[in-house]
Amino acid sequence: MASFLGSPSLAKIRWVARIIGSLIGLMTLFGVIEGLDYNLAHPEQATTSGYLVWAGFVVVFAGCVVGWFKELVGSLLILGGIVLLLAVALLTPSEFRQAYFLVIPAIPGLLYLYVSLAGRKK
């Protein structure tokens, strides 16, 4: 345990990112399914910002899946989806009030980015 806390290796950080990314991926998958179900059941209430939020969650989910194989691409997808969700939150604050929770899905994206950049050979 002391060696894990003392000097984390890239492999350990990669596995932490994969585990957190898998959990975030499952949560976003359920959110995507729920949003799609709602938009199909109530097409008259669908808004552009609702579709953009749905697309942002799809991109975050795709990043969580891709991050298992390609850390840099996965991190860019996750962080790109977060940027899209933050843009929607800033443009439509009445519909998307709690944007601070978007910090949590950004954690695997930042960890994947760290693993990708730190693992490059100089």
N, C-alpha and C. Protein backbone atom coordinates (compact mmCIF):
# COMPACT_ATOMS: atom_id res chain seq x y z
N MET A 1 0.82 -1.19 0.00
CA MET A 1 0.00 0.00 0.00
C MET A 1 0.86 1.25 0.00
N ALA A 2 1.94 1.22 0.75
CA ALA A 2 2.81 2.39 0.81
C ALA A 2 3.47 2.66 -0.53
N SER A 3 3.79 1.60 -1.27
CA SER A 3 4.40 1.82 -2.58
C SER A 3 3.40 2.42 -3.56
N PHE A 4 2.13 2.08 -3.42
CA PHE A 4 1.12 2.66 -4.30
C PHE A 4 0.96 4.15 -4.03
N LEU A 5 0.99 4.54 -2.77
CA LEU A 5 0.83 5.95 -2.43
C LEU A 5 2.10 6.74 -2.64
N GLY A 6 3.24 6.08 -2.60
CA GLY A 6 4.51 6.80 -2.70
C GLY A 6 4.80 7.26 -4.11
N SER A 7 4.77 6.37 -5.07
CA SER A 7 5.15 6.70 -6.44
C SER A 7 4.22 5.99 -7.41
N PRO A 8 3.15 6.64 -7.81
CA PRO A 8 2.22 5.96 -8.72
C PRO A 8 2.82 5.82 -10.11
N SER A 9 2.76 4.63 -10.64
CA SER A 9 3.26 4.41 -11.99
C SER A 9 2.16 4.73 -13.00
N LEU A 10 2.57 4.82 -14.25
CA LEU A 10 1.59 5.11 -15.29
C LEU A 10 0.57 3.99 -15.42
N ALA A 11 0.99 2.77 -15.18
CA ALA A 11 0.05 1.64 -15.28
C ALA A 11 -1.04 1.75 -14.22
N LYS A 12 -0.67 2.16 -13.01
CA LYS A 12 -1.66 2.31 -11.94
C LYS A 12 -2.61 3.45 -12.25
N ILE A 13 -2.07 4.55 -12.74
CA ILE A 13 -2.93 5.69 -13.09
C ILE A 13 -3.84 5.32 -14.25
N ARG A 14 -3.33 4.57 -15.21
CA ARG A 14 -4.15 4.12 -16.34
C ARG A 14 -5.32 3.27 -15.85
N TRP A 15 -5.07 2.37 -14.90
CA TRP A 15 -6.15 1.52 -14.39
C TRP A 15 -7.15 2.31 -13.56
N VAL A 16 -6.67 3.30 -12.81
CA VAL A 16 -7.61 4.17 -12.08
C VAL A 16 -8.50 4.92 -13.08
N ALA A 17 -7.90 5.43 -14.16
CA ALA A 17 -8.67 6.13 -15.18
C ALA A 17 -9.67 5.19 -15.85
N ARG A 18 -9.26 3.95 -16.10
CA ARG A 18 -10.16 2.99 -16.73
C ARG A 18 -11.34 2.64 -15.83
N ILE A 19 -11.07 2.46 -14.54
CA ILE A 19 -12.15 2.12 -13.62
C ILE A 19 -13.12 3.28 -13.47
N ILE A 20 -12.60 4.47 -13.23
CA ILE A 20 -13.47 5.64 -13.11
C ILE A 20 -14.19 5.90 -14.43
N GLY A 21 -13.48 5.75 -15.55
CA GLY A 21 -14.09 5.95 -16.86
C GLY A 21 -15.20 4.96 -17.13
N SER A 22 -15.03 3.73 -16.67
CA SER A 22 -16.09 2.73 -16.85
C SER A 22 -17.34 3.10 -16.06
N LEU A 23 -17.14 3.55 -14.84
CA LEU A 23 -18.29 3.97 -14.02
C LEU A 23 -18.98 5.18 -14.63
N ILE A 24 -18.20 6.17 -15.05
CA ILE A 24 -18.77 7.36 -15.69
C ILE A 24 -19.45 6.96 -17.01
N GLY A 25 -18.84 6.05 -17.75
CA GLY A 25 -19.43 5.59 -19.01
C GLY A 25 -20.78 4.93 -18.80
N LEU A 26 -20.91 4.12 -17.76
CA LEU A 26 -22.20 3.49 -17.47
C LEU A 26 -23.25 4.53 -17.09
N MET A 27 -22.85 5.50 -16.27
CA MET A 27 -23.80 6.54 -15.88
C MET A 27 -24.23 7.37 -17.07
N THR A 28 -23.29 7.72 -17.96
CA THR A 28 -23.67 8.51 -19.13
C THR A 28 -24.51 7.68 -20.10
N LEU A 29 -24.23 6.37 -20.18
CA LEU A 29 -25.05 5.52 -21.04
C LEU A 29 -26.50 5.52 -20.58
N PHE A 30 -26.71 5.41 -19.27
CA PHE A 30 -28.07 5.46 -18.75
C PHE A 30 -28.71 6.83 -19.00
N GLY A 31 -27.92 7.90 -18.89
CA GLY A 31 -28.43 9.24 -19.19
C GLY A 31 -28.78 9.41 -20.65
N VAL A 32 -27.97 8.85 -21.53
CA VAL A 32 -28.24 8.92 -22.97
C VAL A 32 -29.51 8.16 -23.30
N ILE A 33 -29.67 6.98 -22.73
CA ILE A 33 -30.88 6.18 -22.99
C ILE A 33 -32.11 6.90 -22.46
N GLU A 34 -32.00 7.48 -21.26
CA GLU A 34 -33.13 8.20 -20.70
C GLU A 34 -33.49 9.43 -21.53
N GLY A 35 -32.47 10.18 -21.98
CA GLY A 35 -32.73 11.36 -22.80
C GLY A 35 -33.33 11.00 -24.14
N LEU A 36 -32.86 9.93 -24.74
CA LEU A 36 -33.41 9.50 -26.02
C LEU A 36 -34.85 9.04 -25.84
N ASP A 37 -35.11 8.31 -24.78
CA ASP A 37 -36.46 7.84 -24.50
C ASP A 37 -37.42 9.02 -24.30
N TYR A 38 -36.97 10.02 -23.56
CA TYR A 38 -37.81 11.19 -23.31
C TYR A 38 -38.07 11.96 -24.60
N ASN A 39 -37.02 12.15 -25.41
CA ASN A 39 -37.19 12.91 -26.65
C ASN A 39 -38.06 12.17 -27.65
N LEU A 40 -38.01 10.85 -27.66
CA LEU A 40 -38.88 10.10 -28.56
C LEU A 40 -40.33 10.09 -28.08
N ALA A 41 -40.52 10.11 -26.75
CA ALA A 41 -41.88 10.10 -26.21
C ALA A 41 -42.54 11.47 -26.29
N HIS A 42 -41.74 12.54 -26.20
CA HIS A 42 -42.26 13.91 -26.23
C HIS A 42 -41.52 14.74 -27.27
N PRO A 43 -41.71 14.46 -28.55
CA PRO A 43 -40.96 15.21 -29.56
C PRO A 43 -41.34 16.69 -29.63
N GLU A 44 -42.54 17.03 -29.18
CA GLU A 44 -42.96 18.43 -29.22
C GLU A 44 -42.25 19.27 -28.17
N GLN A 45 -41.70 18.64 -27.12
CA GLN A 45 -40.99 19.37 -26.07
C GLN A 45 -39.48 19.37 -26.26
N ALA A 46 -38.99 18.70 -27.29
CA ALA A 46 -37.55 18.62 -27.53
C ALA A 46 -37.03 19.99 -27.97
N THR A 47 -35.89 20.36 -27.41
CA THR A 47 -35.26 21.64 -27.74
C THR A 47 -33.87 21.38 -28.31
N THR A 48 -33.33 22.40 -28.93
CA THR A 48 -31.97 22.28 -29.46
C THR A 48 -30.97 22.05 -28.34
N SER A 49 -31.14 22.74 -27.23
CA SER A 49 -30.21 22.54 -26.12
C SER A 49 -30.32 21.13 -25.55
N GLY A 50 -31.51 20.56 -25.57
CA GLY A 50 -31.68 19.18 -25.12
C GLY A 50 -30.92 18.20 -26.01
N TYR A 51 -30.98 18.43 -27.31
CA TYR A 51 -30.23 17.57 -28.22
C TYR A 51 -28.72 17.77 -28.08
N LEU A 52 -28.29 18.99 -27.80
CA LEU A 52 -26.87 19.25 -27.60
C LEU A 52 -26.37 18.58 -26.31
N VAL A 53 -27.17 18.61 -25.26
CA VAL A 53 -26.81 17.92 -24.02
C VAL A 53 -26.72 16.42 -24.29
N TRP A 54 -27.68 15.88 -25.02
CA TRP A 54 -27.66 14.47 -25.36
C TRP A 54 -26.41 14.13 -26.18
N ALA A 55 -26.05 14.97 -27.14
CA ALA A 55 -24.85 14.75 -27.96
C ALA A 55 -23.59 14.85 -27.11
N GLY A 56 -23.56 15.77 -26.15
CA GLY A 56 -22.41 15.87 -25.27
C GLY A 56 -22.21 14.62 -24.44
N PHE A 57 -23.29 14.06 -23.94
CA PHE A 57 -23.19 12.83 -23.17
C PHE A 57 -22.78 11.64 -24.05
N VAL A 58 -23.22 11.63 -25.31
CA VAL A 58 -22.80 10.57 -26.23
C VAL A 58 -21.29 10.66 -26.47
N VAL A 59 -20.78 11.87 -26.63
CA VAL A 59 -19.34 12.06 -26.85
C VAL A 59 -18.55 11.64 -25.60
N VAL A 60 -19.04 11.98 -24.42
CA VAL A 60 -18.38 11.56 -23.18
C VAL A 60 -18.38 10.04 -23.07
N PHE A 61 -19.49 9.41 -23.38
CA PHE A 61 -19.56 7.94 -23.35
C PHE A 61 -18.58 7.34 -24.35
N ALA A 62 -18.53 7.89 -25.55
CA ALA A 62 -17.60 7.37 -26.55
C ALA A 62 -16.15 7.52 -26.07
N GLY A 63 -15.85 8.63 -25.41
CA GLY A 63 -14.51 8.83 -24.88
C GLY A 63 -14.16 7.83 -23.79
N CYS A 64 -15.13 7.48 -22.97
CA CYS A 64 -14.89 6.48 -21.92
C CYS A 64 -14.61 5.11 -22.52
N VAL A 65 -15.27 4.79 -23.62
CA VAL A 65 -15.04 3.50 -24.27
C VAL A 65 -13.70 3.51 -25.01
N VAL A 66 -13.44 4.55 -25.76
CA VAL A 66 -12.20 4.64 -26.55
C VAL A 66 -10.98 4.76 -25.64
N GLY A 67 -11.14 5.37 -24.47
CA GLY A 67 -10.03 5.55 -23.55
C GLY A 67 -9.39 4.26 -23.09
N TRP A 68 -10.10 3.17 -23.14
CA TRP A 68 -9.52 1.87 -22.77
C TRP A 68 -8.41 1.48 -23.75
N PHE A 69 -8.50 1.92 -24.99
CA PHE A 69 -7.56 1.49 -26.02
C PHE A 69 -6.61 2.61 -26.45
N LYS A 70 -7.12 3.82 -26.57
CA LYS A 70 -6.33 4.97 -27.01
C LYS A 70 -6.57 6.10 -26.01
N GLU A 71 -5.58 6.31 -25.13
CA GLU A 71 -5.78 7.28 -24.05
C GLU A 71 -5.95 8.71 -24.56
N LEU A 72 -5.14 9.11 -25.54
CA LEU A 72 -5.21 10.49 -26.00
C LEU A 72 -6.54 10.79 -26.69
N VAL A 73 -6.97 9.90 -27.55
CA VAL A 73 -8.26 10.10 -28.25
C VAL A 73 -9.41 10.06 -27.25
N GLY A 74 -9.36 9.13 -26.31
CA GLY A 74 -10.40 9.06 -25.29
C GLY A 74 -10.47 10.31 -24.44
N SER A 75 -9.30 10.83 -24.06
CA SER A 75 -9.31 12.05 -23.24
C SER A 75 -9.85 13.24 -24.02
N LEU A 76 -9.49 13.33 -25.30
CA LEU A 76 -10.00 14.45 -26.11
C LEU A 76 -11.50 14.36 -26.31
N LEU A 77 -12.02 13.14 -26.48
CA LEU A 77 -13.47 12.98 -26.61
C LEU A 77 -14.18 13.34 -25.31
N ILE A 78 -13.67 12.85 -24.18
CA ILE A 78 -14.31 13.15 -22.90
C ILE A 78 -14.28 14.65 -22.63
N LEU A 79 -13.12 15.26 -22.78
CA LEU A 79 -13.01 16.70 -22.50
C LEU A 79 -13.78 17.53 -23.51
N GLY A 80 -13.86 17.07 -24.77
CA GLY A 80 -14.68 17.76 -25.78
C GLY A 80 -16.16 17.70 -25.45
N GLY A 81 -16.62 16.55 -24.97
CA GLY A 81 -18.02 16.43 -24.55
C GLY A 81 -18.32 17.31 -23.35
N ILE A 82 -17.36 17.41 -22.43
CA ILE A 82 -17.54 18.28 -21.26
C ILE A 82 -17.61 19.74 -21.70
N VAL A 83 -16.77 20.13 -22.65
CA VAL A 83 -16.81 21.51 -23.15
C VAL A 83 -18.15 21.80 -23.82
N LEU A 84 -18.66 20.85 -24.58
CA LEU A 84 -19.98 21.03 -25.20
C LEU A 84 -21.07 21.18 -24.14
N LEU A 85 -21.02 20.35 -23.11
CA LEU A 85 -22.02 20.45 -22.04
C LEU A 85 -21.89 21.76 -21.28
N LEU A 86 -20.67 22.22 -21.04
CA LEU A 86 -20.48 23.51 -20.35
C LEU A 86 -20.97 24.67 -21.21
N ALA A 87 -20.75 24.58 -22.53
CA ALA A 87 -21.24 25.64 -23.42
C ALA A 87 -22.77 25.71 -23.38
N VAL A 88 -23.42 24.56 -23.40
CA VAL A 88 -24.89 24.55 -23.30
C VAL A 88 -25.33 25.10 -21.96
N ALA A 89 -24.60 24.75 -20.90
CA ALA A 89 -24.95 25.23 -19.56
C ALA A 89 -24.81 26.74 -19.47
N LEU A 90 -23.82 27.30 -20.12
CA LEU A 90 -23.64 28.75 -20.09
C LEU A 90 -24.66 29.48 -20.97
N LEU A 91 -25.06 28.86 -22.06
CA LEU A 91 -26.00 29.50 -22.97
C LEU A 91 -27.46 29.37 -22.51
N THR A 92 -27.78 28.29 -21.82
CA THR A 92 -29.15 28.07 -21.35
C THR A 92 -29.13 27.73 -19.86
N PRO A 93 -28.86 28.70 -19.00
CA PRO A 93 -28.77 28.38 -17.57
C PRO A 93 -30.11 27.96 -16.96
N SER A 94 -31.22 28.31 -17.59
CA SER A 94 -32.51 27.93 -17.02
C SER A 94 -32.77 26.43 -17.15
N GLU A 95 -32.23 25.81 -18.19
CA GLU A 95 -32.47 24.38 -18.41
C GLU A 95 -31.40 23.50 -17.79
N PHE A 96 -30.25 24.04 -17.53
CA PHE A 96 -29.11 23.23 -17.11
C PHE A 96 -28.47 23.93 -15.92
N ARG A 97 -29.11 23.81 -14.76
CA ARG A 97 -28.74 24.61 -13.60
C ARG A 97 -27.51 24.10 -12.86
N GLN A 98 -27.26 22.82 -12.87
CA GLN A 98 -26.21 22.26 -12.03
C GLN A 98 -25.03 21.80 -12.87
N ALA A 99 -24.28 22.75 -13.40
CA ALA A 99 -23.15 22.43 -14.26
C ALA A 99 -21.92 22.01 -13.48
N TYR A 100 -21.91 22.24 -12.18
CA TYR A 100 -20.74 21.90 -11.39
C TYR A 100 -20.50 20.39 -11.31
N PHE A 101 -21.52 19.58 -11.57
CA PHE A 101 -21.32 18.13 -11.53
C PHE A 101 -20.49 17.64 -12.72
N LEU A 102 -20.24 18.48 -13.71
CA LEU A 102 -19.45 18.08 -14.86
C LEU A 102 -17.97 17.93 -14.55
N VAL A 103 -17.57 18.31 -13.35
CA VAL A 103 -16.17 18.11 -12.95
C VAL A 103 -15.89 16.62 -12.81
N ILE A 104 -16.87 15.85 -12.36
CA ILE A 104 -16.65 14.42 -12.11
C ILE A 104 -16.36 13.65 -13.41
N PRO A 105 -17.12 13.82 -14.50
CA PRO A 105 -16.76 13.10 -15.73
C PRO A 105 -15.44 13.57 -16.35
N ALA A 106 -14.97 14.74 -15.98
CA ALA A 106 -13.70 15.23 -16.53
C ALA A 106 -12.51 14.52 -15.90
N ILE A 107 -12.69 13.87 -14.75
CA ILE A 107 -11.56 13.22 -14.06
C ILE A 107 -10.92 12.13 -14.92
N PRO A 108 -11.68 11.18 -15.49
CA PRO A 108 -10.99 10.19 -16.33
C PRO A 108 -10.37 10.81 -17.57
N GLY A 109 -10.99 11.85 -18.10
CA GLY A 109 -10.41 12.53 -19.26
C GLY A 109 -9.06 13.14 -18.94
N LEU A 110 -8.96 13.77 -17.78
CA LEU A 110 -7.68 14.36 -17.38
C LEU A 110 -6.65 13.27 -17.06
N LEU A 111 -7.09 12.19 -16.44
CA LEU A 111 -6.16 11.09 -16.15
C LEU A 111 -5.66 10.43 -17.43
N TYR A 112 -6.56 10.21 -18.39
CA TYR A 112 -6.13 9.65 -19.68
C TYR A 112 -5.15 10.59 -20.38
N LEU A 113 -5.41 11.88 -20.30
CA LEU A 113 -4.50 12.85 -20.91
C LEU A 113 -3.13 12.81 -20.24
N TYR A 114 -3.11 12.70 -18.93
CA TYR A 114 -1.84 12.61 -18.21
C TYR A 114 -1.07 11.35 -18.60
N VAL A 115 -1.77 10.21 -18.64
CA VAL A 115 -1.11 8.96 -19.00
C VAL A 115 -0.57 9.02 -20.42
N SER A 116 -1.34 9.62 -21.32
CA SER A 116 -0.91 9.69 -22.70
C SER A 116 0.32 10.59 -22.87
N LEU A 117 0.29 11.74 -22.22
CA LEU A 117 1.41 12.68 -22.37
C LEU A 117 2.64 12.23 -21.59
N ALA A 118 2.46 11.65 -20.41
CA ALA A 118 3.60 11.20 -19.61
C ALA A 118 4.22 9.93 -20.18
N GLY A 119 3.46 9.15 -20.91
CA GLY A 119 3.97 7.91 -21.46
C GLY A 119 4.68 8.05 -22.79
N ARG A 120 4.69 9.23 -23.35
CA ARG A 120 5.38 9.44 -24.62
C ARG A 120 6.88 9.36 -24.43
N LYS A 121 7.54 8.74 -25.37
CA LYS A 121 9.00 8.64 -25.31
C LYS A 121 9.62 9.94 -25.79
N LYS A 122 10.63 10.36 -25.10
CA LYS A 122 11.27 11.63 -25.44
C LYS A 122 12.31 11.47 -26.52
